[in-house]
C-alpha atoms as a PDB file:
ATOM      1  CA  MET A   1      25.166  55.051 211.980  1.00  0.00           C
ATOM      2  CA  ASP A   2      22.077  54.392 214.074  1.00  0.00           C
ATOM      3  CA  ARG A   3      22.480  51.215 216.096  1.00  0.00           C
ATOM      4  CA  ASP A   4      19.818  48.551 215.555  1.00  0.00           C
ATOM      5  CA  PRO A   5      17.477  48.531 218.577  1.00  0.00           C
ATOM      6  CA  ALA A   6      18.013  44.769 218.840  1.00  0.00           C
ATOM      7  CA  ALA A   7      21.787  45.245 219.063  1.00  0.00           C
ATOM      8  CA  PRO A   8      23.354  44.980 222.494  1.00  0.00           C
ATOM      9  CA  GLU A   9      24.009  48.049 224.583  1.00  0.00           C
ATOM     10  CA  ALA A  10      27.273  48.785 226.318  1.00  0.00           C
ATOM     11  CA  ALA A  11      27.639  46.537 229.352  1.00  0.00           C
ATOM     12  CA  ASP A  12      29.173  47.202 232.729  1.00  0.00           C
ATOM     13  CA  PRO A  13      32.789  46.197 232.265  1.00  0.00           C
ATOM     14  CA  PRO A  14      34.153  43.359 234.375  1.00  0.00           C
ATOM     15  CA  VAL A  15      36.851  43.953 236.969  1.00  0.00           C
ATOM     16  CA  GLY A  16      40.134  44.650 235.198  1.00  0.00           C
ATOM     17  CA  ALA A  17      38.471  45.544 231.893  1.00  0.00           C
ATOM     18  CA  ALA A  18      40.165  48.934 231.597  1.00  0.00           C
ATOM     19  CA  ALA A  19      43.594  47.340 231.874  1.00  0.00           C
ATOM     20  CA  ARG A  20      42.639  44.607 229.376  1.00  0.00           C
ATOM     21  CA  LEU A  21      41.387  47.156 226.856  1.00  0.00           C
ATOM     22  CA  ARG A  22      44.463  49.352 227.285  1.00  0.00           C
ATOM     23  CA  ALA A  23      46.765  46.351 226.827  1.00  0.00           C
ATOM     24  CA  ALA A  24      44.822  45.180 223.765  1.00  0.00           C
ATOM     25  CA  ILE A  25      45.039  48.484 221.909  1.00  0.00           C
ATOM     26  CA  GLY A  26      48.708  48.747 222.820  1.00  0.00           C
ATOM     27  CA  ARG A  27      49.338  45.525 220.873  1.00  0.00           C
ATOM     28  CA  LEU A  28      47.570  46.659 217.687  1.00  0.00           C
ATOM     29  CA  PRO A  29      50.055  47.278 214.835  1.00  0.00           C
ATOM     30  CA  LEU A  30      47.879  50.169 213.637  1.00  0.00           C
ATOM     31  CA  LEU A  31      48.514  52.012 216.899  1.00  0.00           C
ATOM     32  CA  ALA A  32      52.127  50.965 217.408  1.00  0.00           C
ATOM     33  CA  GLY A  33      54.368  53.891 218.158  1.00  0.00           C
ATOM     34  CA  LEU A  34      51.683  56.134 219.626  1.00  0.00           C
ATOM     35  CA  PRO A  35      52.621  57.759 222.914  1.00  0.00           C
ATOM     36  CA  ALA A  36      51.344  55.981 226.036  1.00  0.00           C
ATOM     37  CA  THR A  37      49.364  59.069 227.035  1.00  0.00           C
ATOM     38  CA  LEU A  38      47.439  58.954 223.748  1.00  0.00           C
ATOM     39  CA  LEU A  39      46.766  55.219 224.123  1.00  0.00           C
ATOM     40  CA  ASP A  40      45.510  55.864 227.660  1.00  0.00           C
ATOM     41  CA  GLU A  41      43.175  58.572 226.367  1.00  0.00           C
ATOM     42  CA  LEU A  42      41.905  56.309 223.583  1.00  0.00           C
ATOM     43  CA  ALA A  43      41.342  53.446 226.024  1.00  0.00           C
ATOM     44  CA  GLY A  44      39.226  55.778 228.139  1.00  0.00           C
ATOM     45  CA  GLN A  45      36.886  56.321 225.178  1.00  0.00           C
ATOM     46  CA  LEU A  46      36.206  52.609 224.563  1.00  0.00           C
ATOM     47  CA  ARG A  47      32.920  50.955 225.493  1.00  0.00           C
ATOM     48  CA  TRP A  48      32.669  47.379 226.736  1.00  0.00           C
ATOM     49  CA  PHE A  49      30.104  45.148 224.996  1.00  0.00           C
ATOM     50  CA  VAL A  50      29.037  41.578 225.560  1.00  0.00           C
ATOM     51  CA  ILE A  51      27.684  40.343 222.243  1.00  0.00           C
ATOM     52  CA  PRO A  52      25.394  37.268 222.274  1.00  0.00           C
ATOM     53  CA  GLY A  53      25.911  34.680 219.542  1.00  0.00           C
ATOM     54  CA  GLY A  54      23.997  35.376 216.350  1.00  0.00           C
ATOM     55  CA  THR A  55      23.908  39.142 216.864  1.00  0.00           C
ATOM     56  CA  GLU A  56      24.268  41.158 213.667  1.00  0.00           C
ATOM     57  CA  LEU A  57      26.802  43.957 214.160  1.00  0.00           C
ATOM     58  CA  VAL A  58      27.089  45.410 210.667  1.00  0.00           C
ATOM     59  CA  ARG A  59      25.559  44.934 207.221  1.00  0.00           C
ATOM     60  CA  ALA A  60      27.312  45.031 203.869  1.00  0.00           C
ATOM     61  CA  GLY A  61      26.803  48.303 202.076  1.00  0.00           C
ATOM     62  CA  GLU A  62      25.965  50.346 205.172  1.00  0.00           C
ATOM     63  CA  PRO A  63      28.423  53.037 206.229  1.00  0.00           C
ATOM     64  CA  GLY A  64      30.448  52.119 209.287  1.00  0.00           C
ATOM     65  CA  ASP A  65      31.437  54.455 212.064  1.00  0.00           C
ATOM     66  CA  GLU A  66      32.655  51.992 214.681  1.00  0.00           C
ATOM     67  CA  VAL A  67      35.601  49.688 215.224  1.00  0.00           C
ATOM     68  CA  PHE A  68      35.202  46.467 217.180  1.00  0.00           C
ATOM     69  CA  LEU A  69      37.975  44.880 219.246  1.00  0.00           C
ATOM     70  CA  VAL A  70      37.349  41.218 220.013  1.00  0.00           C
ATOM     71  CA  LEU A  71      39.034  40.254 223.272  1.00  0.00           C
ATOM     72  CA  ALA A  72      37.450  36.813 223.589  1.00  0.00           C
ATOM     73  CA  GLY A  73      35.357  34.654 221.300  1.00  0.00           C
ATOM     74  CA  ARG A  74      35.052  35.090 217.569  1.00  0.00           C
ATOM     75  CA  LEU A  75      33.030  36.839 214.909  1.00  0.00           C
ATOM     76  CA  GLY A  76      31.738  35.359 211.693  1.00  0.00           C
ATOM     77  CA  VAL A  77      30.817  36.848 208.347  1.00  0.00           C
ATOM     78  CA  ALA A  78      27.748  35.754 206.392  1.00  0.00           C
ATOM     79  CA  ARG A  79      26.152  36.975 203.212  1.00  0.00           C
ATOM     80  CA  ALA A  80      22.452  37.128 202.477  1.00  0.00           C
ATOM     81  CA  HIS A  81      20.750  33.758 202.763  1.00  0.00           C
ATOM     82  CA  GLY A  82      23.523  32.525 205.074  1.00  0.00           C
ATOM     83  CA  ARG A  83      26.080  31.933 202.310  1.00  0.00           C
ATOM     84  CA  PRO A  84      29.686  32.426 203.431  1.00  0.00           C
ATOM     85  CA  PRO A  85      31.542  35.342 201.819  1.00  0.00           C
END
């Protein structure tokens, strides 16, 4: 999927980000039971983003090829014309 040019780019991670990301994926039920070496490798492939409020990340009906981990803050879902899902 081509990223919208208005979408944020990967940001420089803050100090300690690698450890936070590694800890976060280690707590995901989907990844429970994976060897630590595999989790370490996966964590090394993650990109850190700072997403400003109101930024559209995905649209309904478009194919997705990314997974987002939210470490702080929250995401909302809206349908066309701002109606909640």
